[in-house]
Amino acid sequence: MEKPLLATEFLDRARRNYGDREAVVGVDGDRYTYDELGERADGFAAGLQERGVGKGDRVAVLDPNTHRHLEAAYGCFQTGAVHTPLNYRLVESDFEYILNDAGVTAVYADHAYAETVQAVRDDVPTETFVTDDPDAVEGDWEAFEDVVGGGTDYDRPEMSEDEVVTINYTSGTTGDPKGVCRTHRTETLHAYIISVHQEISDDDTYLWTLPMFHVNGWGHIYAVTGMGARHVCTRGVDAEYVFEMLRTEDVTYFCAAPTVIKMLGDHLAEHGGEPDAGQDVRVATAGAAPPEATIRTAEDEFGWYMKHVYGATETGPLITTSDARRYFDDDSDDRFAVKKSQGFGYLGTEIRVVDEDGNDVPADGETIGEIVVRGNQVMDRYWDEPDATAEAFSDRVDGYYHMGDLAVVNDDGMIQIQDRKKDIIVSGGENISSIEVEDTLFSHDRVDDVAVVPSPHDDWGETPKAFVVPAGGDPNDPGVTADDLIRYARDDMAHFKAPTRIEFVKQLPKTSTGKVQKFELRQAEWDGEERMVGQG
């Protein structure tokens, strides 16, 4: 027997089985049962259809982790529209590009971020603009409550599991951002997989520290909902609020970059108190290896259980886990070597590390190759980018998505990232294109040449550092200060992308053909480090 795998099933199941049970704790303290959450999603679906949004139309959602994001997402799913979540840390030009590239028909934007959409409103195809607080936004915006409250009757169209249900945009690390198309099938199977590996159950309370826009919150908008667990919403990460929720709302699971764990540790050291109310808590962190100090803070100081996972926007995101408890004792230091690796592939996920000829590297912990993956949670394609799609699935070996991370495989079969193939900087969990930073700095009239590389950072794992050849040629008298260039970059791009370090140099290392040898700059920056990727 075959039953279509549809994203709508997660809320449908929760309404059937947990209708009168609490579903969401809002940032304002309001609480909603699954019946109430479902009714509001129905209202948004009906409101979209009343405003002409149909199956296949893209609906953008620009919202921090509030209950409205959940309602808008499921409202989109129920109409057959394509949920297109936006990174609220981006700037106006980013939104203009994405809204045009996706051909977005309607947008819901939280009042704190709606101005960035308003600024480009006349330059995008979007027709319907909705916000939670129209009085706080210039321009003609409809109120979210008016849309939701206009009735709950809508027509749910026939849907196929192979149809696109969401488009998540990358950070544009190799050019313009690309829309990652994910189908009902990929989203559903990813949610099933994380429900197992992240041990999500109906008595969980999940705290939304991870942005919901970030690959649909790693699939948690589906898995937590479908399992009938509770969502506790946030507006960003505030240490005091996180601890308050852990102590009062019986939070049992949340996601946190190593930088967030460090922030929580610093807060507790300064203000005291208990980290939680005595319940079992597990926390997931992702990306490059978390520092041992991060694991010690979470597990030894707070008494939580940390899971290290790995993936990318294109892969669901989650494809591996180091939660292999048969390989370590919870109270032994031998757990650090395992938890700092990317570990094993998830269920149904094939992970390989291959050389340039597409052959698997030996499991010797030394031979480096590129990580490639095949699994049901991997994206369908890039939106309107057939060439980029073909390249992503065929560079070294056909039929596998190429991650761009270089790794080794140890004798237990676990992978561990050592370096990056692409020009990517991962700072605090956000991907940054070194090329984009370079282009911005190049436009300054006091910059003659520039190269940007990742530099180790105690809090963020790594941070963009720019090596700048000043226009006058004298690094001792560049005619501009490092702070000036940093401010210049921050005026032109999302703040998290801007360089935090500037070094003036007489010249950049180059090949005989004039290509900048960034590898030399990176080697110098990472001298003495275990690997050339940030921990955290």
Protein backbone atom coordinates (compact mmCIF):
# COMPACT_ATOMS: atom_id res chain seq x y z
CA MET A 1 0.00 0.00 0.00
CA GLU A 2 1.23 3.47 -0.79
CA LYS A 3 0.06 6.67 0.90
CA PRO A 4 1.22 10.08 -0.31
CA LEU A 5 3.67 11.79 2.03
CA LEU A 6 2.29 15.31 2.55
CA ALA A 7 3.44 18.11 4.85
CA THR A 8 -0.18 18.80 5.80
CA GLU A 9 -0.32 15.47 7.64
CA PHE A 10 1.74 16.73 10.60
CA LEU A 11 -0.82 19.27 11.80
CA ASP A 12 -3.69 17.01 10.74
CA ARG A 13 -2.35 14.26 13.03
CA ALA A 14 -1.82 16.64 15.93
CA ARG A 15 -5.38 17.94 15.61
CA ARG A 16 -6.81 14.42 15.50
CA ASN A 17 -4.92 13.10 18.50
CA TYR A 18 -3.94 16.14 20.60
CA GLY A 19 -6.60 18.69 19.71
CA ASP A 20 -7.32 19.80 23.28
CA ARG A 21 -3.66 19.66 24.39
CA GLU A 22 -1.42 22.69 24.49
CA ALA A 23 0.49 23.16 21.24
CA VAL A 24 2.17 26.56 21.46
CA VAL A 25 3.36 29.01 24.08
CA GLY A 26 3.58 32.37 22.33
CA VAL A 27 6.21 35.03 22.99
CA ASP A 28 3.51 37.20 24.53
CA GLY A 29 2.45 34.40 26.88
CA ASP A 30 -0.66 33.45 24.90
CA ARG A 31 -1.26 29.72 24.69
CA TYR A 32 -2.90 27.72 21.95
CA THR A 33 -4.13 24.15 21.80
CA TYR A 34 -3.68 22.13 18.63
CA ASP A 35 -7.34 22.76 17.80
CA GLU A 36 -6.72 26.50 18.13
CA LEU A 37 -3.46 26.38 16.18
CA GLY A 38 -5.24 24.44 13.45
CA GLU A 39 -8.13 26.87 13.31
CA ARG A 40 -5.72 29.79 12.91
CA ALA A 41 -3.84 27.96 10.15
CA ASP A 42 -7.21 27.34 8.46
CA GLY A 43 -7.93 31.06 8.74
CA PHE A 44 -4.63 31.96 7.10
CA ALA A 45 -5.26 29.41 4.35
CA ALA A 46 -8.72 30.87 3.71
CA GLY A 47 -7.29 34.39 3.76
CA LEU A 48 -4.66 33.49 1.18
CA GLN A 49 -7.24 31.99 -1.17
CA GLU A 50 -9.54 34.97 -0.73
CA ARG A 51 -6.63 37.18 -1.84
CA GLY A 52 -6.01 35.13 -4.96
CA VAL A 53 -3.17 32.90 -3.77
CA GLY A 54 -3.41 29.51 -5.41
CA LYS A 55 -1.63 26.20 -5.56
CA GLY A 56 2.03 26.58 -6.45
CA ASP A 57 2.18 30.30 -5.63
CA ARG A 58 5.06 31.31 -3.39
CA VAL A 59 4.25 32.87 -0.04
CA ALA A 60 7.14 34.44 1.88
CA VAL A 61 7.27 34.42 5.67
CA LEU A 62 9.60 36.87 7.42
CA ASP A 63 9.17 36.24 11.11
CA PRO A 64 11.19 35.44 14.21
CA ASN A 65 10.07 32.38 16.11
CA THR A 66 6.49 33.35 16.89
CA HIS A 67 3.30 31.30 16.68
CA ARG A 68 2.37 33.28 13.57
CA HIS A 69 5.22 31.68 11.63
CA LEU A 70 3.78 28.24 12.39
CA GLU A 71 0.27 29.35 11.44
CA ALA A 72 1.44 30.94 8.20
CA ALA A 73 3.52 27.91 7.24
CA TYR A 74 0.71 25.43 7.73
CA GLY A 75 -1.75 27.81 6.11
CA CYS A 76 0.51 27.80 3.04
CA PHE A 77 0.76 24.02 3.00
CA GLN A 78 -3.00 23.60 3.21
CA THR A 79 -3.62 25.73 0.12
CA GLY A 80 -0.89 24.02 -1.89
CA ALA A 81 1.14 27.24 -1.87
CA VAL A 82 4.91 27.14 -1.44
CA HIS A 83 6.20 28.28 1.94
CA THR A 84 9.22 30.53 1.37
CA PRO A 85 10.79 31.49 4.72
CA LEU A 86 13.14 34.47 4.76
CA ASN A 87 16.21 35.11 6.89
CA TYR A 88 15.32 38.18 8.96
CA ARG A 89 19.00 39.10 9.29
CA LEU A 90 19.25 39.99 5.60
CA VAL A 91 19.08 43.50 4.13
CA GLU A 92 16.78 45.19 1.62
CA SER A 93 18.72 44.20 -1.49
CA ASP A 94 18.65 40.55 -0.41
CA PHE A 95 14.87 40.61 -0.03
CA GLU A 96 14.46 42.34 -3.37
CA TYR A 97 16.46 39.60 -5.07
CA ILE A 98 14.68 36.69 -3.36
CA LEU A 99 11.15 38.04 -3.78
CA ASN A 100 11.83 38.55 -7.48
CA ASP A 101 13.68 35.28 -7.99
CA ALA A 102 10.91 33.23 -6.36
CA GLY A 103 8.14 35.35 -7.87
CA VAL A 104 6.54 35.74 -4.45
CA THR A 105 2.80 36.47 -4.56
CA ALA A 106 2.18 37.25 -0.88
CA VAL A 107 4.36 38.02 2.13
CA TYR A 108 3.74 37.94 5.84
CA ALA A 109 6.34 39.99 7.72
CA ASP A 110 6.66 40.58 11.44
CA HIS A 111 6.45 44.30 12.23
CA ALA A 112 10.09 44.40 13.37
CA TYR A 113 11.27 43.40 9.87
CA ALA A 114 8.50 44.61 7.55
CA GLU A 115 10.26 47.91 6.81
CA THR A 116 12.98 46.06 4.89
CA VAL A 117 10.29 44.66 2.59
CA GLN A 118 8.44 47.97 2.42
CA ALA A 119 11.61 49.61 1.12
CA VAL A 120 11.63 47.39 -1.99
CA ARG A 121 7.89 46.98 -2.36
CA ASP A 122 7.69 48.76 -5.70
CA ASP A 123 10.44 46.59 -7.16
CA VAL A 124 9.00 43.13 -6.46
CA PRO A 125 6.03 41.20 -7.92
CA THR A 126 4.38 40.66 -4.53
CA GLU A 127 0.75 41.78 -4.33
CA THR A 128 -0.37 40.92 -0.79
CA PHE A 129 1.44 42.35 2.25
CA VAL A 130 0.51 41.21 5.76
CA THR A 131 2.02 42.08 9.14
CA ASP A 132 1.12 41.52 12.76
CA ASP A 133 1.09 45.26 13.56
CA PRO A 134 0.21 47.55 10.62
CA ASP A 135 0.41 50.65 12.83
CA ALA A 136 4.13 49.99 13.34
CA VAL A 137 4.86 49.80 9.60
CA GLU A 138 4.73 52.47 6.92
CA GLY A 139 2.73 51.67 3.82
CA ASP A 140 -0.46 49.75 3.20
CA TRP A 141 -0.23 46.46 5.13
CA GLU A 142 -3.05 44.16 6.17
CA ALA A 143 -3.28 42.92 9.75
CA PHE A 144 -2.46 39.26 10.31
CA GLU A 145 -5.38 38.92 12.72
CA ASP A 146 -7.77 40.27 10.08
CA VAL A 147 -6.53 37.70 7.58
CA VAL A 148 -6.73 34.84 10.09
CA GLY A 149 -10.05 35.98 11.49
CA GLY A 150 -11.90 36.28 8.19
CA GLY A 151 -13.22 32.73 8.22
CA THR A 152 -11.81 29.22 8.10
CA ASP A 153 -13.42 27.80 4.97
CA TYR A 154 -10.84 27.01 2.32
CA ASP A 155 -10.41 24.45 -0.45
CA ARG A 156 -7.54 22.05 0.05
CA PRO A 157 -6.39 21.02 -3.44
CA GLU A 158 -5.14 17.62 -4.48
CA MET A 159 -1.42 17.45 -3.80
CA SER A 160 1.36 15.11 -4.81
CA GLU A 161 4.29 14.17 -2.59
CA ASP A 162 6.66 15.13 -5.43
CA GLU A 163 5.41 18.73 -5.61
CA VAL A 164 7.50 21.52 -4.09
CA VAL A 165 6.16 22.61 -0.71
CA THR A 166 8.91 24.95 0.45
CA ILE A 167 11.80 26.96 -0.98
CA ASN A 168 14.65 27.79 1.39
CA TYR A 169 17.24 30.24 0.12
CA THR A 170 20.94 29.65 0.65
CA SER A 171 23.28 32.33 1.94
CA GLY A 172 24.63 33.02 -1.53
CA THR A 173 28.09 31.66 -0.77
CA THR A 174 28.95 31.11 -4.45
CA GLY A 175 27.06 33.99 -6.05
CA ASP A 176 23.43 35.02 -5.71
CA PRO A 177 21.33 33.06 -3.18
CA LYS A 178 19.82 29.89 -4.62
CA GLY A 179 16.35 28.62 -3.84
CA VAL A 180 16.49 25.10 -2.46
CA CYS A 181 13.33 23.28 -3.55
CA ARG A 182 12.01 20.73 -1.11
CA THR A 183 9.02 18.53 -1.78
CA HIS A 184 6.33 17.13 0.49
CA ARG A 185 8.24 13.85 0.34
CA THR A 186 11.65 15.24 1.30
CA GLU A 187 10.20 17.30 4.16
CA THR A 188 8.16 14.39 5.45
CA LEU A 189 10.96 11.84 5.41
CA HIS A 190 13.39 14.31 6.97
CA ALA A 191 10.90 14.90 9.78
CA TYR A 192 10.49 11.15 10.29
CA ILE A 193 14.27 10.72 10.50
CA ILE A 194 14.85 13.52 12.99
CA SER A 195 11.95 12.30 15.12
CA VAL A 196 13.98 9.12 15.60
CA HIS A 197 17.49 10.51 15.92
CA GLN A 198 16.51 13.58 17.97
CA GLU A 199 14.19 11.36 20.06
CA ILE A 200 11.15 13.61 19.72
CA SER A 201 8.07 12.40 21.58
CA ASP A 202 4.65 13.77 22.48
CA ASP A 203 5.72 14.74 26.01
CA ASP A 204 8.57 16.94 24.72
CA THR A 205 8.59 20.70 25.04
CA TYR A 206 10.71 22.25 22.32
CA LEU A 207 12.20 25.73 22.79
CA TRP A 208 12.59 27.68 19.54
CA THR A 209 16.11 29.08 19.81
CA LEU A 210 16.91 27.91 16.27
CA PRO A 211 15.38 30.23 13.64
CA MET A 212 12.26 28.77 12.02
CA PHE A 213 13.45 30.20 8.71
CA HIS A 214 16.62 28.09 8.85
CA VAL A 215 15.63 25.11 6.66
CA ASN A 216 12.22 25.16 8.33
CA GLY A 217 13.92 25.06 11.71
CA TRP A 218 15.79 21.84 10.82
CA GLY A 219 12.42 20.21 10.19
CA HIS A 220 11.14 20.83 13.70
CA ILE A 221 8.07 22.74 12.50
CA TYR A 222 6.98 19.35 11.14
CA ALA A 223 8.36 16.82 13.62
CA VAL A 224 7.44 18.62 16.85
CA THR A 225 3.95 19.32 15.50
CA GLY A 226 3.35 15.84 14.11
CA MET A 227 4.39 14.18 17.36
CA GLY A 228 1.96 16.37 19.32
CA ALA A 229 4.72 17.98 21.40
CA ARG A 230 4.74 21.59 22.63
CA HIS A 231 6.36 24.59 20.90
CA VAL A 232 7.73 27.39 23.09
CA CYS A 233 8.30 30.45 20.90
CA THR A 234 10.96 33.14 21.17
CA ARG A 235 12.01 36.38 19.51
CA GLY A 236 15.68 35.61 19.08
CA VAL A 237 18.00 34.17 21.70
CA ASP A 238 18.05 35.91 25.08
CA ALA A 239 19.87 34.03 27.84
CA GLU A 240 17.57 35.18 30.63
CA TYR A 241 14.47 34.19 28.65
CA VAL A 242 15.96 30.80 27.70
CA PHE A 243 16.64 29.96 31.34
CA GLU A 244 13.21 31.25 32.38
CA MET A 245 11.56 28.90 29.87
CA LEU A 246 13.77 25.99 30.93
CA ARG A 247 12.76 26.57 34.56
CA THR A 248 9.04 27.27 34.08
CA GLU A 249 7.89 25.53 30.88
CA ASP A 250 9.48 22.09 31.33
CA VAL A 251 11.60 22.52 28.20
CA THR A 252 13.20 19.19 27.33
CA TYR A 253 14.81 19.87 23.96
CA PHE A 254 16.27 22.77 22.02
CA CYS A 255 18.97 23.55 19.45
CA ALA A 256 21.94 25.80 20.10
CA ALA A 257 25.13 26.71 18.31
CA PRO A 258 28.24 26.50 20.52
CA THR A 259 28.13 30.29 20.74
CA VAL A 260 24.69 30.09 22.36
CA ILE A 261 25.89 27.49 24.88
CA LYS A 262 28.80 29.77 25.75
CA MET A 263 26.43 32.71 26.14
CA LEU A 264 24.24 30.67 28.48
CA GLY A 265 27.28 29.59 30.48
CA ASP A 266 28.49 33.18 30.84
CA HIS A 267 25.02 34.32 31.91
CA LEU A 268 24.67 31.63 34.56
CA ALA A 269 28.17 32.31 35.88
CA GLU A 270 27.31 35.98 36.29
CA HIS A 271 23.74 35.72 37.58
CA GLY A 272 23.62 32.31 39.25
CA GLY A 273 20.61 30.09 39.59
CA GLU A 274 19.75 26.64 38.27
CA PRO A 275 19.82 26.00 34.54
CA ASP A 276 16.47 24.19 34.58
CA ALA A 277 13.83 22.71 36.87
CA GLY A 278 15.48 19.31 37.15
CA GLN A 279 13.99 17.75 34.01
CA ASP A 280 16.09 15.83 31.46
CA VAL A 281 17.24 18.23 28.75
CA ARG A 282 18.93 17.47 25.46
CA VAL A 283 20.43 20.05 23.15
CA ALA A 284 21.46 19.72 19.50
CA THR A 285 24.31 21.63 17.93
CA ALA A 286 25.40 21.49 14.30
CA GLY A 287 28.16 22.19 11.85
CA ALA A 288 31.87 21.94 12.51
CA ALA A 289 33.08 20.32 15.70
CA PRO A 290 31.88 21.98 18.92
CA PRO A 291 34.79 22.83 21.24
CA GLU A 292 35.30 20.44 24.12
CA ALA A 293 34.61 23.34 26.48
CA THR A 294 31.14 23.70 24.93
CA ILE A 295 30.32 20.06 25.53
CA ARG A 296 31.60 20.30 29.11
CA THR A 297 29.45 23.38 29.77
CA ALA A 298 26.30 21.72 28.47
CA GLU A 299 26.83 18.29 29.96
CA ASP A 300 29.00 18.72 33.06
CA GLU A 301 27.82 22.13 34.27
CA PHE A 302 24.20 22.12 33.15
CA GLY A 303 23.57 18.37 33.22
CA TRP A 304 22.14 18.31 29.68
CA TYR A 305 22.81 15.78 26.92
CA MET A 306 24.40 17.22 23.78
CA LYS A 307 23.91 15.86 20.27
CA HIS A 308 26.18 17.03 17.45
CA VAL A 309 24.56 16.86 14.01
CA TYR A 310 25.56 18.01 10.53
CA GLY A 311 24.05 18.98 7.22
CA ALA A 312 23.26 21.81 4.81
CA THR A 313 20.26 23.70 3.46
CA GLU A 314 20.30 21.42 0.43
CA THR A 315 20.18 18.25 2.53
CA GLY A 316 17.23 18.78 4.77
CA PRO A 317 19.49 19.79 6.59
CA LEU A 318 20.39 16.91 8.89
CA ILE A 319 22.31 13.94 7.50
CA THR A 320 24.71 12.78 10.26
CA THR A 321 24.87 12.45 14.02
CA SER A 322 27.64 11.77 16.51
CA ASP A 323 25.08 10.45 18.98
CA ALA A 324 26.57 6.94 18.91
CA ARG A 325 26.32 5.93 22.57
CA ARG A 326 27.79 2.48 22.08
CA TYR A 327 31.08 4.23 21.32
CA PHE A 328 31.44 6.17 24.59
CA ASP A 329 30.43 6.34 28.23
CA ASP A 330 28.40 9.38 29.19
CA ASP A 331 30.66 10.24 32.14
CA SER A 332 33.96 9.54 30.39
CA ASP A 333 36.23 11.92 28.51
CA ASP A 334 36.27 9.47 25.61
CA ARG A 335 32.92 10.95 24.56
CA PHE A 336 34.60 14.13 23.32
CA ALA A 337 36.39 12.47 20.41
CA VAL A 338 33.07 11.02 19.22
CA LYS A 339 30.89 14.08 19.84
CA LYS A 340 33.34 16.38 18.07
CA SER A 341 33.11 14.27 14.92
CA GLN A 342 30.26 14.52 12.43
CA GLY A 343 29.67 10.82 13.12
CA PHE A 344 27.47 8.41 11.19
CA GLY A 345 24.79 8.97 8.56
CA TYR A 346 21.16 9.16 9.63
CA LEU A 347 18.78 6.30 8.89
CA GLY A 348 18.32 5.85 5.15
CA THR A 349 21.22 8.22 4.46
CA GLU A 350 24.33 7.21 2.55
CA ILE A 351 27.42 9.25 3.46
CA ARG A 352 30.67 8.87 1.56
CA VAL A 353 34.00 10.69 1.56
CA VAL A 354 35.51 10.53 -1.92
CA ASP A 355 38.71 11.63 -3.64
CA GLU A 356 38.83 13.71 -6.83
CA ASP A 357 38.18 10.59 -8.92
CA GLY A 358 35.05 9.71 -6.95
CA ASN A 359 36.66 6.82 -5.07
CA ASP A 360 36.09 6.33 -1.34
CA VAL A 361 39.03 7.38 0.78
CA PRO A 362 40.44 4.77 3.20
CA ALA A 363 39.11 4.81 6.78
CA ASP A 364 42.49 5.81 8.19
CA GLY A 365 41.62 9.13 9.82
CA GLU A 366 44.17 10.87 7.59
CA THR A 367 43.20 10.76 3.91
CA ILE A 368 41.06 13.76 3.01
CA GLY A 369 38.17 13.72 0.54
CA GLU A 370 34.88 15.52 -0.07
CA ILE A 371 31.69 14.52 1.72
CA VAL A 372 28.92 13.42 -0.64
CA VAL A 373 25.47 12.25 0.40
CA ARG A 374 22.46 10.43 -0.97
CA GLY A 375 19.19 10.28 0.96
CA ASN A 376 15.46 10.91 0.84
CA GLN A 377 15.86 14.20 2.73
CA VAL A 378 18.13 15.75 0.08
CA MET A 379 16.65 18.58 -2.00
CA ASP A 380 14.80 18.06 -5.24
CA ARG A 381 16.60 20.87 -7.12
CA TYR A 382 17.56 24.52 -7.10
CA TRP A 383 14.78 26.87 -8.17
CA ASP A 384 15.28 27.76 -11.86
CA GLU A 385 18.97 26.72 -11.67
CA PRO A 386 19.33 23.53 -13.76
CA ASP A 387 23.08 23.95 -14.32
CA ALA A 388 23.82 24.52 -10.64
CA THR A 389 21.61 21.54 -9.79
CA ALA A 390 23.46 19.28 -12.21
CA GLU A 391 26.84 20.38 -10.88
CA ALA A 392 25.82 19.84 -7.26
CA PHE A 393 24.88 16.24 -8.01
CA SER A 394 27.67 15.25 -10.41
CA ASP A 395 30.98 16.93 -9.60
CA ARG A 396 33.05 14.01 -8.26
CA VAL A 397 30.48 11.22 -8.37
CA ASP A 398 27.07 11.08 -10.06
CA GLY A 399 23.86 10.94 -8.06
CA TYR A 400 25.19 12.34 -4.78
CA TYR A 401 24.88 15.85 -3.41
CA HIS A 402 28.36 17.33 -2.95
CA MET A 403 28.68 19.07 0.42
CA GLY A 404 31.83 21.11 -0.28
CA ASP A 405 33.31 20.03 3.06
CA LEU A 406 36.55 18.07 3.14
CA ALA A 407 36.78 15.30 5.72
CA VAL A 408 38.49 12.13 6.87
CA VAL A 409 36.94 8.82 7.92
CA ASN A 410 38.20 7.13 11.09
CA ASP A 411 38.49 3.38 11.59
CA ASP A 412 35.00 3.28 13.14
CA GLY A 413 33.54 4.77 9.97
CA MET A 414 32.79 8.20 11.46
CA ILE A 415 33.51 11.29 9.39
CA GLN A 416 35.28 14.39 10.67
CA ILE A 417 35.47 17.67 8.75
CA GLN A 418 38.98 19.06 8.25
CA ASP A 419 38.60 21.87 5.73
CA ARG A 420 36.27 23.43 3.15
CA LYS A 421 36.36 23.11 -0.59
CA LYS A 422 34.20 26.17 -1.18
CA ASP A 423 34.90 29.81 -0.36
CA ILE A 424 32.62 29.67 2.67
CA ILE A 425 33.01 31.08 6.16
CA VAL A 426 30.74 29.64 8.84
CA SER A 427 30.43 32.11 11.70
CA GLY A 428 28.07 31.31 14.55
CA GLY A 429 26.19 28.87 12.34
CA GLU A 430 25.65 31.35 9.47
CA ASN A 431 27.22 30.75 6.05
CA ILE A 432 29.07 33.76 4.64
CA SER A 433 30.47 34.16 1.13
CA SER A 434 34.02 35.48 1.22
CA ILE A 435 33.47 36.63 -2.37
CA GLU A 436 30.51 38.80 -1.35
CA VAL A 437 32.56 40.42 1.41
CA GLU A 438 35.42 41.03 -1.03
CA ASP A 439 33.11 42.63 -3.59
CA THR A 440 31.78 45.02 -0.95
CA LEU A 441 35.23 46.06 0.23
CA PHE A 442 36.50 46.41 -3.35
CA SER A 443 33.96 49.18 -3.90
CA HIS A 444 35.71 51.39 -1.31
CA ASP A 445 37.97 53.94 -3.01
CA ARG A 446 40.82 53.30 -0.55
CA VAL A 447 40.96 49.56 -1.31
CA ASP A 448 43.18 48.41 -4.17
CA ASP A 449 43.02 44.66 -3.55
CA VAL A 450 41.44 42.40 -0.95
CA ALA A 451 41.14 38.75 0.05
CA VAL A 452 38.81 37.47 2.74
CA VAL A 453 39.36 34.23 4.63
CA PRO A 454 37.98 32.62 7.80
CA SER A 455 39.90 33.43 10.95
CA PRO A 456 39.57 31.49 14.24
CA HIS A 457 37.21 33.04 16.78
CA ASP A 458 36.70 31.88 20.35
CA ASP A 459 32.97 32.65 20.39
CA TRP A 460 31.85 32.23 16.77
CA GLY A 461 34.17 29.42 15.66
CA GLU A 462 35.40 31.53 12.78
CA THR A 463 34.93 35.07 11.54
CA PRO A 464 35.61 36.91 8.26
CA LYS A 465 39.04 38.52 8.13
CA ALA A 466 40.04 40.79 5.24
CA PHE A 467 43.58 41.24 4.01
CA VAL A 468 43.54 44.65 2.33
CA VAL A 469 46.05 46.22 -0.02
CA PRO A 470 45.41 49.97 0.38
CA ALA A 471 45.07 52.16 -2.69
CA GLY A 472 48.21 54.07 -1.77
CA GLY A 473 50.20 50.84 -1.47
CA ASP A 474 51.49 51.56 2.04
CA PRO A 475 49.97 49.28 4.72
CA ASN A 476 51.38 51.57 7.41
CA ASP A 477 49.51 54.54 5.97
CA PRO A 478 46.40 53.07 4.32
CA GLY A 479 44.37 56.25 4.28
CA VAL A 480 41.48 54.48 5.99
CA THR A 481 41.12 52.68 9.30
CA ALA A 482 40.07 49.10 9.89
CA ASP A 483 37.02 50.34 11.77
CA ASP A 484 36.09 52.53 8.81
CA LEU A 485 36.13 49.54 6.46
CA ILE A 486 34.14 47.39 8.85
CA ARG A 487 31.49 50.10 9.15
CA TYR A 488 31.49 50.50 5.37
CA ALA A 489 30.80 46.80 4.90
CA ARG A 490 28.08 46.78 7.56
CA ASP A 491 26.31 49.63 5.75
CA ASP A 492 26.10 47.53 2.59
CA MET A 493 25.40 44.01 3.79
CA ALA A 494 23.83 42.01 6.61
CA HIS A 495 25.89 42.68 9.72
CA PHE A 496 26.72 39.03 10.34
CA LYS A 497 28.45 38.90 6.94
CA ALA A 498 30.71 41.91 7.46
CA PRO A 499 34.39 41.38 8.37
CA THR A 500 35.32 41.77 12.00
CA ARG A 501 39.07 41.85 11.37
CA ILE A 502 41.11 43.84 8.85
CA GLU A 503 44.83 43.49 8.19
CA PHE A 504 46.55 45.91 5.81
CA VAL A 505 49.23 44.29 3.66
CA LYS A 506 51.59 45.43 0.90
CA GLN A 507 50.52 42.66 -1.45
CA LEU A 508 48.52 39.43 -1.56
CA PRO A 509 50.13 36.07 -2.35
CA LYS A 510 49.35 35.23 -5.98
CA THR A 511 50.09 32.57 -8.56
CA SER A 512 51.99 33.36 -11.74
CA THR A 513 48.66 33.91 -13.46
CA GLY A 514 47.56 36.45 -10.84
CA LYS A 515 45.16 34.28 -8.84
CA VAL A 516 45.15 35.05 -5.12
CA GLN A 517 46.45 32.11 -3.09
CA LYS A 518 43.97 32.27 -0.25
CA PHE A 519 45.26 28.96 1.03
CA GLU A 520 48.46 30.65 2.18
CA LEU A 521 46.50 33.28 4.07
CA ARG A 522 44.32 30.62 5.68
CA GLN A 523 47.29 28.51 6.67
CA ALA A 524 48.86 31.46 8.45
CA GLU A 525 45.59 32.26 10.24
CA TRP A 526 45.04 28.66 11.35
CA ASP A 527 48.63 27.83 12.27
CA GLY A 528 48.56 25.75 15.43
CA GLU A 529 44.88 24.83 15.07
CA GLU A 530 43.83 21.17 14.82
CA ARG A 531 42.02 21.73 11.51
CA MET A 532 41.23 24.62 9.18
CA VAL A 533 37.58 24.96 10.14
CA GLY A 534 36.16 26.71 13.16
CA GLN A 535 34.96 24.73 16.12
CA GLY A 536 31.45 26.00 16.54
